[in-house]
Amino acid sequence: MGKVSIALRGWRFDEAEVFDEEGHVRPLEEVPEETRQRLIRLRVVAGEPCDACYLLTEAKADCDVARIVYGEPLSEVLLCPDHEADFLY
């Protein structure tokens, strides 16, 4: 098994840590702590607006939905595809 992105592109997970041999999602208790923290945080940030759009428009309704996540849980940056290039270095 390889790496996989879930919900948002950016954070990559080892498939073996998230899925069992039959391809079912493992219970959170069986997932390593760091992976568990990221999976839980994904439930919170998935569907949120792009941080760059929000800063530029100051209106949540005018923002694109984020498709990419970078950084660490609780210190992440959420981006739409149009703003991803602004944050690559």
PDB file of N, CA and C in Angstrom:
ATOM      1  N   MET A   1       0.836  -1.176   0.000  1.00  0.00           N
ATOM      2  CA  MET A   1       0.000   0.000   0.000  1.00  0.00           C
ATOM      3  C   MET A   1       0.883   1.242   0.000  1.00  0.00           C
ATOM      4  N   GLY A   2       0.343   2.329  -0.523  1.00  0.00           N
ATOM      5  CA  GLY A   2       1.097   3.567  -0.619  1.00  0.00           C
ATOM      6  C   GLY A   2       0.512   4.667   0.231  1.00  0.00           C
ATOM      7  N   LYS A   3       0.687   5.877  -0.255  1.00  0.00           N
ATOM      8  CA  LYS A   3       0.172   7.063   0.429  1.00  0.00           C
ATOM      9  C   LYS A   3      -1.120   7.501  -0.248  1.00  0.00           C
ATOM     10  N   VAL A   4      -1.993   8.128   0.539  1.00  0.00           N
ATOM     11  CA  VAL A   4      -3.277   8.568   0.016  1.00  0.00           C
ATOM     12  C   VAL A   4      -3.663   9.889   0.677  1.00  0.00           C
ATOM     13  N   SER A   5      -4.307  10.778  -0.076  1.00  0.00           N
ATOM     14  CA  SER A   5      -4.898  11.989   0.479  1.00  0.00           C
ATOM     15  C   SER A   5      -6.367  11.706   0.744  1.00  0.00           C
ATOM     16  N   ILE A   6      -6.889  12.274   1.806  1.00  0.00           N
ATOM     17  CA  ILE A   6      -8.286  12.067   2.177  1.00  0.00           C
ATOM     18  C   ILE A   6      -8.935  13.430   2.343  1.00  0.00           C
ATOM     19  N   ALA A   7     -10.049  13.666   1.670  1.00  0.00           N
ATOM     20  CA  ALA A   7     -10.856  14.889   1.754  1.00  0.00           C
ATOM     21  C   ALA A   7     -10.166  16.085   1.115  1.00  0.00           C
ATOM     22  N   LEU A   8      -8.955  16.408   1.526  1.00  0.00           N
ATOM     23  CA  LEU A   8      -8.213  17.529   0.967  1.00  0.00           C
ATOM     24  C   LEU A   8      -6.838  17.049   0.539  1.00  0.00           C
ATOM     25  N   ARG A   9      -6.340  17.614  -0.539  1.00  0.00           N
ATOM     26  CA  ARG A   9      -4.995  17.278  -0.994  1.00  0.00           C
ATOM     27  C   ARG A   9      -3.989  18.010  -0.110  1.00  0.00           C
ATOM     28  N   GLY A  10      -2.851  17.416   0.115  1.00  0.00           N
ATOM     29  CA  GLY A  10      -1.787  18.044   0.901  1.00  0.00           C
ATOM     30  C   GLY A  10      -1.290  17.117   1.985  1.00  0.00           C
ATOM     31  N   TRP A  11      -2.159  16.740   2.893  1.00  0.00           N
ATOM     32  CA  TRP A  11      -1.771  15.770   3.910  1.00  0.00           C
ATOM     33  C   TRP A  11      -1.869  14.388   3.306  1.00  0.00           C
ATOM     34  N   ARG A  12      -0.808  13.609   3.424  1.00  0.00           N
ATOM     35  CA  ARG A  12      -0.768  12.252   2.865  1.00  0.00           C
ATOM     36  C   ARG A  12      -0.720  11.256   4.015  1.00  0.00           C
ATOM     37  N   PHE A  13      -1.464  10.175   3.869  1.00  0.00           N
ATOM     38  CA  PHE A  13      -1.559   9.150   4.904  1.00  0.00           C
ATOM     39  C   PHE A  13      -1.102   7.811   4.349  1.00  0.00           C
ATOM     40  N   ASP A  14      -0.435   7.017   5.189  1.00  0.00           N
ATOM     41  CA  ASP A  14      -0.129   5.643   4.807  1.00  0.00           C
ATOM     42  C   ASP A  14      -1.431   4.871   4.790  1.00  0.00           C
ATOM     43  N   GLU A  15      -1.733   4.249   3.668  1.00  0.00           N
ATOM     44  CA  GLU A  15      -2.985   3.502   3.542  1.00  0.00           C
ATOM     45  C   GLU A  15      -3.120   2.448   4.636  1.00  0.00           C
ATOM     46  N   ALA A  16      -2.015   1.787   4.972  1.00  0.00           N
ATOM     47  CA  ALA A  16      -2.059   0.716   5.968  1.00  0.00           C
ATOM     48  C   ALA A  16      -2.437   1.237   7.357  1.00  0.00           C
ATOM     49  N   GLU A  17      -2.162   2.505   7.641  1.00  0.00           N
ATOM     50  CA  GLU A  17      -2.530   3.072   8.935  1.00  0.00           C
ATOM     51  C   GLU A  17      -4.011   3.419   9.011  1.00  0.00           C
ATOM     52  N   VAL A  18      -4.604   3.733   7.855  1.00  0.00           N
ATOM     53  CA  VAL A  18      -5.992   4.206   7.819  1.00  0.00           C
ATOM     54  C   VAL A  18      -6.970   3.094   7.444  1.00  0.00           C
ATOM     55  N   PHE A  19      -6.559   2.195   6.557  1.00  0.00           N
ATOM     56  CA  PHE A  19      -7.444   1.142   6.057  1.00  0.00           C
ATOM     57  C   PHE A  19      -6.939  -0.235   6.470  1.00  0.00           C
ATOM     58  N   ASP A  20      -7.864  -1.160   6.732  1.00  0.00           N
ATOM     59  CA  ASP A  20      -7.480  -2.531   7.051  1.00  0.00           C
ATOM     60  C   ASP A  20      -7.261  -3.322   5.763  1.00  0.00           C
ATOM     61  N   GLU A  21      -7.003  -4.610   5.882  1.00  0.00           N
ATOM     62  CA  GLU A  21      -6.695  -5.458   4.730  1.00  0.00           C
ATOM     63  C   GLU A  21      -7.845  -5.554   3.736  1.00  0.00           C
ATOM     64  N   GLU A  22      -9.081  -5.406   4.206  1.00  0.00           N
ATOM     65  CA  GLU A  22     -10.248  -5.466   3.313  1.00  0.00           C
ATOM     66  C   GLU A  22     -10.591  -4.109   2.707  1.00  0.00           C
ATOM     67  N   GLY A  23      -9.839  -3.074   3.060  1.00  0.00           N
ATOM     68  CA  GLY A  23     -10.089  -1.748   2.520  1.00  0.00           C
ATOM     69  C   GLY A  23     -11.070  -0.922   3.326  1.00  0.00           C
ATOM     70  N   HIS A  24     -11.464  -1.400   4.499  1.00  0.00           N
ATOM     71  CA  HIS A  24     -12.365  -0.651   5.371  1.00  0.00           C
ATOM     72  C   HIS A  24     -11.562   0.318   6.243  1.00  0.00           C
ATOM     73  N   VAL A  25     -12.193   1.428   6.588  1.00  0.00           N
ATOM     74  CA  VAL A  25     -11.537   2.403   7.459  1.00  0.00           C
ATOM     75  C   VAL A  25     -11.393   1.804   8.852  1.00  0.00           C
ATOM     76  N   ARG A  26     -10.192   1.924   9.411  1.00  0.00           N
ATOM     77  CA  ARG A  26      -9.925   1.417  10.754  1.00  0.00           C
ATOM     78  C   ARG A  26     -10.635   2.291  11.789  1.00  0.00           C
ATOM     79  N   PRO A  27     -11.039   1.716  12.918  1.00  0.00           N
ATOM     80  CA  PRO A  27     -11.552   2.546  14.023  1.00  0.00           C
ATOM     81  C   PRO A  27     -10.444   3.495  14.488  1.00  0.00           C
ATOM     82  N   LEU A  28     -10.807   4.695  14.912  1.00  0.00           N
ATOM     83  CA  LEU A  28      -9.800   5.679  15.328  1.00  0.00           C
ATOM     84  C   LEU A  28      -8.885   5.160  16.424  1.00  0.00           C
ATOM     85  N   GLU A  29      -9.382   4.292  17.277  1.00  0.00           N
ATOM     86  CA  GLU A  29      -8.552   3.746  18.361  1.00  0.00           C
ATOM     87  C   GLU A  29      -7.376   2.944  17.829  1.00  0.00           C
ATOM     88  N   GLU A  30      -7.497   2.409  16.622  1.00  0.00           N
ATOM     89  CA  GLU A  30      -6.435   1.593  16.025  1.00  0.00           C
ATOM     90  C   GLU A  30      -5.454   2.407  15.185  1.00  0.00           C
ATOM     91  N   VAL A  31      -5.745   3.663  14.968  1.00  0.00           N
ATOM     92  CA  VAL A  31      -4.911   4.519  14.111  1.00  0.00           C
ATOM     93  C   VAL A  31      -3.850   5.200  14.979  1.00  0.00           C
ATOM     94  N   PRO A  32      -2.592   5.286  14.507  1.00  0.00           N
ATOM     95  CA  PRO A  32      -1.545   5.971  15.272  1.00  0.00           C
ATOM     96  C   PRO A  32      -1.946   7.414  15.614  1.00  0.00           C
ATOM     97  N   GLU A  33      -1.446   7.908  16.731  1.00  0.00           N
ATOM     98  CA  GLU A  33      -1.859   9.207  17.280  1.00  0.00           C
ATOM     99  C   GLU A  33      -1.734  10.362  16.288  1.00  0.00           C
ATOM    100  N   GLU A  34      -0.595  10.511  15.622  1.00  0.00           N
ATOM    101  CA  GLU A  34      -0.411  11.626  14.688  1.00  0.00           C
ATOM    102  C   GLU A  34      -1.415  11.552  13.538  1.00  0.00           C
ATOM    103  N   THR A  35      -1.602  10.369  12.995  1.00  0.00           N
ATOM    104  CA  THR A  35      -2.567  10.183  11.915  1.00  0.00           C
ATOM    105  C   THR A  35      -3.978  10.456  12.415  1.00  0.00           C
ATOM    106  N   ARG A  36      -4.283  10.004  13.612  1.00  0.00           N
ATOM    107  CA  ARG A  36      -5.607  10.233  14.207  1.00  0.00           C
ATOM    108  C   ARG A  36      -5.894  11.720  14.332  1.00  0.00           C
ATOM    109  N   GLN A  37      -4.918  12.498  14.796  1.00  0.00           N
ATOM    110  CA  GLN A  37      -5.100  13.947  14.942  1.00  0.00           C
ATOM    111  C   GLN A  37      -5.400  14.609  13.604  1.00  0.00           C
ATOM    112  N   ARG A  38      -4.695  14.199  12.574  1.00  0.00           N
ATOM    113  CA  ARG A  38      -4.930  14.778  11.242  1.00  0.00           C
ATOM    114  C   ARG A  38      -6.309  14.377  10.707  1.00  0.00           C
ATOM    115  N   LEU A  39      -6.697  13.129  10.895  1.00  0.00           N
ATOM    116  CA  LEU A  39      -8.012  12.687  10.422  1.00  0.00           C
ATOM    117  C   LEU A  39      -9.138  13.441  11.131  1.00  0.00           C
ATOM    118  N   ILE A  40      -9.005  13.620  12.417  1.00  0.00           N
ATOM    119  CA  ILE A  40     -10.022  14.361  13.170  1.00  0.00           C
ATOM    120  C   ILE A  40     -10.061  15.811  12.702  1.00  0.00           C
ATOM    121  N   ARG A  41      -8.908  16.405  12.500  1.00  0.00           N
ATOM    122  CA  ARG A  41      -8.863  17.801  12.045  1.00  0.00           C
ATOM    123  C   ARG A  41      -9.458  17.944  10.647  1.00  0.00           C
ATOM    124  N   LEU A  42      -9.278  16.943   9.785  1.00  0.00           N
ATOM    125  CA  LEU A  42      -9.862  16.995   8.447  1.00  0.00           C
ATOM    126  C   LEU A  42     -11.386  17.107   8.507  1.00  0.00           C
ATOM    127  N   ARG A  43     -11.987  16.453   9.491  1.00  0.00           N
ATOM    128  CA  ARG A  43     -13.448  16.544   9.634  1.00  0.00           C
ATOM    129  C   ARG A  43     -13.881  17.975   9.919  1.00  0.00           C
ATOM    130  N   VAL A  44     -13.031  18.742  10.569  1.00  0.00           N
ATOM    131  CA  VAL A  44     -13.352  20.127  10.915  1.00  0.00           C
ATOM    132  C   VAL A  44     -13.117  21.056   9.718  1.00  0.00           C
ATOM    133  N   VAL A  45     -12.004  20.900   9.008  1.00  0.00           N
ATOM    134  CA  VAL A  45     -11.629  21.859   7.970  1.00  0.00           C
ATOM    135  C   VAL A  45     -12.194  21.548   6.584  1.00  0.00           C
ATOM    136  N   ALA A  46     -12.596  20.311   6.323  1.00  0.00           N
ATOM    137  CA  ALA A  46     -13.160  19.972   5.012  1.00  0.00           C
ATOM    138  C   ALA A  46     -14.413  20.806   4.778  1.00  0.00           C
ATOM    139  N   GLY A  47     -14.476  21.450   3.634  1.00  0.00           N
ATOM    140  CA  GLY A  47     -15.625  22.279   3.291  1.00  0.00           C
ATOM    141  C   GLY A  47     -15.505  23.731   3.717  1.00  0.00           C
ATOM    142  N   GLU A  48     -14.411  24.064   4.411  1.00  0.00           N
ATOM    143  CA  GLU A  48     -14.191  25.449   4.841  1.00  0.00           C
ATOM    144  C   GLU A  48     -13.659  26.278   3.669  1.00  0.00           C
ATOM    145  N   PRO A  49     -13.764  27.599   3.764  1.00  0.00           N
ATOM    146  CA  PRO A  49     -13.283  28.441   2.667  1.00  0.00           C
ATOM    147  C   PRO A  49     -11.760  28.520   2.619  1.00  0.00           C
ATOM    148  N   CYS A  50     -11.272  28.871   1.459  1.00  0.00           N
ATOM    149  CA  CYS A  50      -9.848  29.120   1.246  1.00  0.00           C
ATOM    150  C   CYS A  50      -9.430  30.296   2.123  1.00  0.00           C
ATOM    151  N   ASP A  51      -8.334  30.136   2.857  1.00  0.00           N
ATOM    152  CA  ASP A  51      -7.854  31.211   3.721  1.00  0.00           C
ATOM    153  C   ASP A  51      -7.472  32.452   2.923  1.00  0.00           C
ATOM    154  N   ALA A  52      -6.839  32.266   1.763  1.00  0.00           N
ATOM    155  CA  ALA A  52      -6.427  33.413   0.950  1.00  0.00           C
ATOM    156  C   ALA A  52      -7.646  34.160   0.412  1.00  0.00           C
ATOM    157  N   CYS A  53      -8.638  33.442  -0.088  1.00  0.00           N
ATOM    158  CA  CYS A  53      -9.865  34.093  -0.567  1.00  0.00           C
ATOM    159  C   CYS A  53     -10.510  34.881   0.562  1.00  0.00           C
ATOM    160  N   TYR A  54     -10.559  34.277   1.733  1.00  0.00           N
ATOM    161  CA  TYR A  54     -11.191  34.929   2.877  1.00  0.00           C
ATOM    162  C   TYR A  54     -10.465  36.221   3.252  1.00  0.00           C
ATOM    163  N   LEU A  55      -9.130  36.177   3.240  1.00  0.00           N
ATOM    164  CA  LEU A  55      -8.363  37.383   3.569  1.00  0.00           C
ATOM    165  C   LEU A  55      -8.528  38.476   2.521  1.00  0.00           C
ATOM    166  N   LEU A  56      -8.681  38.087   1.262  1.00  0.00           N
ATOM    167  CA  LEU A  56      -8.810  39.076   0.191  1.00  0.00           C
ATOM    168  C   LEU A  56     -10.222  39.641   0.074  1.00  0.00           C
ATOM    169  N   THR A  57     -11.246  38.842   0.379  1.00  0.00           N
ATOM    170  CA  THR A  57     -12.624  39.305   0.196  1.00  0.00           C
ATOM    171  C   THR A  57     -13.282  39.709   1.502  1.00  0.00           C
ATOM    172  N   GLU A  58     -12.809  39.171   2.614  1.00  0.00           N
ATOM    173  CA  GLU A  58     -13.370  39.427   3.932  1.00  0.00           C
ATOM    174  C   GLU A  58     -14.851  39.061   4.028  1.00  0.00           C
ATOM    175  N   ALA A  59     -15.316  38.224   3.126  1.00  0.00           N
ATOM    176  CA  ALA A  59     -16.700  37.747   3.174  1.00  0.00           C
ATOM    177  C   ALA A  59     -16.704  36.261   2.868  1.00  0.00           C
ATOM    178  N   LYS A  60     -17.096  35.470   3.832  1.00  0.00           N
ATOM    179  CA  LYS A  60     -17.062  34.020   3.679  1.00  0.00           C
ATOM    180  C   LYS A  60     -17.870  33.564   2.467  1.00  0.00           C
ATOM    181  N   ALA A  61     -18.947  34.257   2.150  1.00  0.00           N
ATOM    182  CA  ALA A  61     -19.813  33.868   1.033  1.00  0.00           C
ATOM    183  C   ALA A  61     -19.109  34.009  -0.314  1.00  0.00           C
ATOM    184  N   ASP A  62     -18.108  34.888  -0.397  1.00  0.00           N
ATOM    185  CA  ASP A  62     -17.410  35.128  -1.656  1.00  0.00           C
ATOM    186  C   ASP A  62     -16.182  34.240  -1.836  1.00  0.00           C
ATOM    187  N   CYS A  63     -15.928  33.340  -0.910  1.00  0.00           N
ATOM    188  CA  CYS A  63     -14.719  32.517  -0.934  1.00  0.00           C
ATOM    189  C   CYS A  63     -14.949  31.192  -1.650  1.00  0.00           C
ATOM    190  N   ASP A  64     -13.895  30.718  -2.299  1.00  0.00           N
ATOM    191  CA  ASP A  64     -13.911  29.368  -2.865  1.00  0.00           C
ATOM    192  C   ASP A  64     -13.697  28.367  -1.744  1.00  0.00           C
ATOM    193  N   VAL A  65     -14.230  27.174  -1.919  1.00  0.00           N
ATOM    194  CA  VAL A  65     -14.032  26.106  -0.935  1.00  0.00           C
ATOM    195  C   VAL A  65     -12.599  25.598  -1.060  1.00  0.00           C
ATOM    196  N   ALA A  66     -11.946  25.413   0.071  1.00  0.00           N
ATOM    197  CA  ALA A  66     -10.568  24.915   0.085  1.00  0.00           C
ATOM    198  C   ALA A  66     -10.526  23.475  -0.419  1.00  0.00           C
ATOM    199  N   ARG A  67      -9.503  23.166  -1.193  1.00  0.00           N
ATOM    200  CA  ARG A  67      -9.272  21.811  -1.707  1.00  0.00           C
ATOM    201  C   ARG A  67      -7.913  21.276  -1.271  1.00  0.00           C
ATOM    202  N   ILE A  68      -7.090  22.164  -0.687  1.00  0.00           N
ATOM    203  CA  ILE A  68      -5.723  21.806  -0.322  1.00  0.00           C
ATOM    204  C   ILE A  68      -5.471  22.223   1.119  1.00  0.00           C
ATOM    205  N   VAL A  69      -4.730  21.400   1.863  1.00  0.00           N
ATOM    206  CA  VAL A  69      -4.355  21.731   3.233  1.00  0.00           C
ATOM    207  C   VAL A  69      -2.846  21.553   3.375  1.00  0.00           C
ATOM    208  N   TYR A  70      -2.193  22.565   3.958  1.00  0.00           N
ATOM    209  CA  TYR A  70      -0.768  22.507   4.247  1.00  0.00           C
ATOM    210  C   TYR A  70      -0.550  22.866   5.708  1.00  0.00           C
ATOM    211  N   GLY A  71       0.539  22.410   6.283  1.00  0.00           N
ATOM    212  CA  GLY A  71       0.873  22.742   7.656  1.00  0.00           C
ATOM    213  C   GLY A  71       0.519  21.617   8.604  1.00  0.00           C
ATOM    214  N   GLU A  72       0.496  21.936   9.872  1.00  0.00           N
ATOM    215  CA  GLU A  72       0.212  20.963  10.916  1.00  0.00           C
ATOM    216  C   GLU A  72      -1.188  21.207  11.475  1.00  0.00           C
ATOM    217  N   PRO A  73      -1.822  20.168  12.034  1.00  0.00           N
ATOM    218  CA  PRO A  73      -3.157  20.355  12.607  1.00  0.00           C
ATOM    219  C   PRO A  73      -3.190  21.527  13.589  1.00  0.00           C
ATOM    220  N   LEU A  74      -4.205  22.333  13.475  1.00  0.00           N
ATOM    221  CA  LEU A  74      -4.448  23.555  14.244  1.00  0.00           C
ATOM    222  C   LEU A  74      -3.535  24.711  13.838  1.00  0.00           C
ATOM    223  N   SER A  75      -2.642  24.479  12.885  1.00  0.00           N
ATOM    224  CA  SER A  75      -1.792  25.542  12.324  1.00  0.00           C
ATOM    225  C   SER A  75      -1.756  25.417  10.809  1.00  0.00           C
ATOM    226  N   GLU A  76      -2.836  24.908  10.243  1.00  0.00           N
ATOM    227  CA  GLU A  76      -2.856  24.636   8.818  1.00  0.00           C
ATOM    228  C   GLU A  76      -3.299  25.854   8.013  1.00  0.00           C
ATOM    229  N   VAL A  77      -2.994  25.810   6.719  1.00  0.00           N
ATOM    230  CA  VAL A  77      -3.456  26.796   5.752  1.00  0.00           C
ATOM    231  C   VAL A  77      -4.342  26.047   4.774  1.00  0.00           C
ATOM    232  N   LEU A  78      -5.540  26.566   4.556  1.00  0.00           N
ATOM    233  CA  LEU A  78      -6.489  25.967   3.614  1.00  0.00           C
ATOM    234  C   LEU A  78      -6.498  26.803   2.348  1.00  0.00           C
ATOM    235  N   LEU A  79      -6.376  26.154   1.198  1.00  0.00           N
ATOM    236  CA  LEU A  79      -6.267  26.868  -0.064  1.00  0.00           C
ATOM    237  C   LEU A  79      -7.170  26.298  -1.134  1.00  0.00           C
ATOM    238  N   CYS A  80      -7.601  27.160  -2.042  1.00  0.00           N
ATOM    239  CA  CYS A  80      -8.278  26.725  -3.257  1.00  0.00           C
ATOM    240  C   CYS A  80      -7.192  26.532  -4.320  1.00  0.00           C
ATOM    241  N   PRO A  81      -7.478  25.853  -5.416  1.00  0.00           N
ATOM    242  CA  PRO A  81      -6.459  25.655  -6.445  1.00  0.00           C
ATOM    243  C   PRO A  81      -5.882  26.959  -6.996  1.00  0.00           C
ATOM    244  N   ASP A  82      -6.688  28.029  -7.078  1.00  0.00           N
ATOM    245  CA  ASP A  82      -6.184  29.297  -7.617  1.00  0.00           C
ATOM    246  C   ASP A  82      -5.114  29.921  -6.725  1.00  0.00           C
ATOM    247  N   HIS A  83      -5.172  29.710  -5.427  1.00  0.00           N
ATOM    248  CA  HIS A  83      -4.209  30.327  -4.519  1.00  0.00           C
ATOM    249  C   HIS A  83      -3.076  29.397  -4.088  1.00  0.00           C
ATOM    250  N   GLU A  84      -3.105  28.149  -4.474  1.00  0.00           N
ATOM    251  CA  GLU A  84      -2.052  27.220  -4.068  1.00  0.00           C
ATOM    252  C   GLU A  84      -0.681  27.705  -4.527  1.00  0.00           C
ATOM    253  N   ALA A  85      -0.598  28.185  -5.740  1.00  0.00           N
ATOM    254  CA  ALA A  85       0.703  28.622  -6.270  1.00  0.00           C
ATOM    255  C   ALA A  85       1.291  29.787  -5.476  1.00  0.00           C
ATOM    256  N   ASP A  86       0.451  30.600  -4.849  1.00  0.00           N
ATOM    257  CA  ASP A  86       0.932  31.714  -4.033  1.00  0.00           C
ATOM    258  C   ASP A  86       1.668  31.243  -2.781  1.00  0.00           C
ATOM    259  N   PHE A  87       1.433  29.997  -2.368  1.00  0.00           N
ATOM    260  CA  PHE A  87       2.013  29.496  -1.124  1.00  0.00           C
ATOM    261  C   PHE A  87       3.104  28.466  -1.339  1.00  0.00           C
ATOM    262  N   LEU A  88       3.366  28.090  -2.571  1.00  0.00           N
ATOM    263  CA  LEU A  88       4.447  27.152  -2.855  1.00  0.00           C
ATOM    264  C   LEU A  88       5.784  27.874  -2.803  1.00  0.00           C
ATOM    265  N   TYR A  89       6.740  27.219  -2.213  1.00  0.00           N
ATOM    266  CA  TYR A  89       8.073  27.818  -2.153  1.00  0.00           C
ATOM    267  C   TYR A  89       9.119  26.775  -2.362  1.00  0.00           C
TER     268      TYR A  89
END
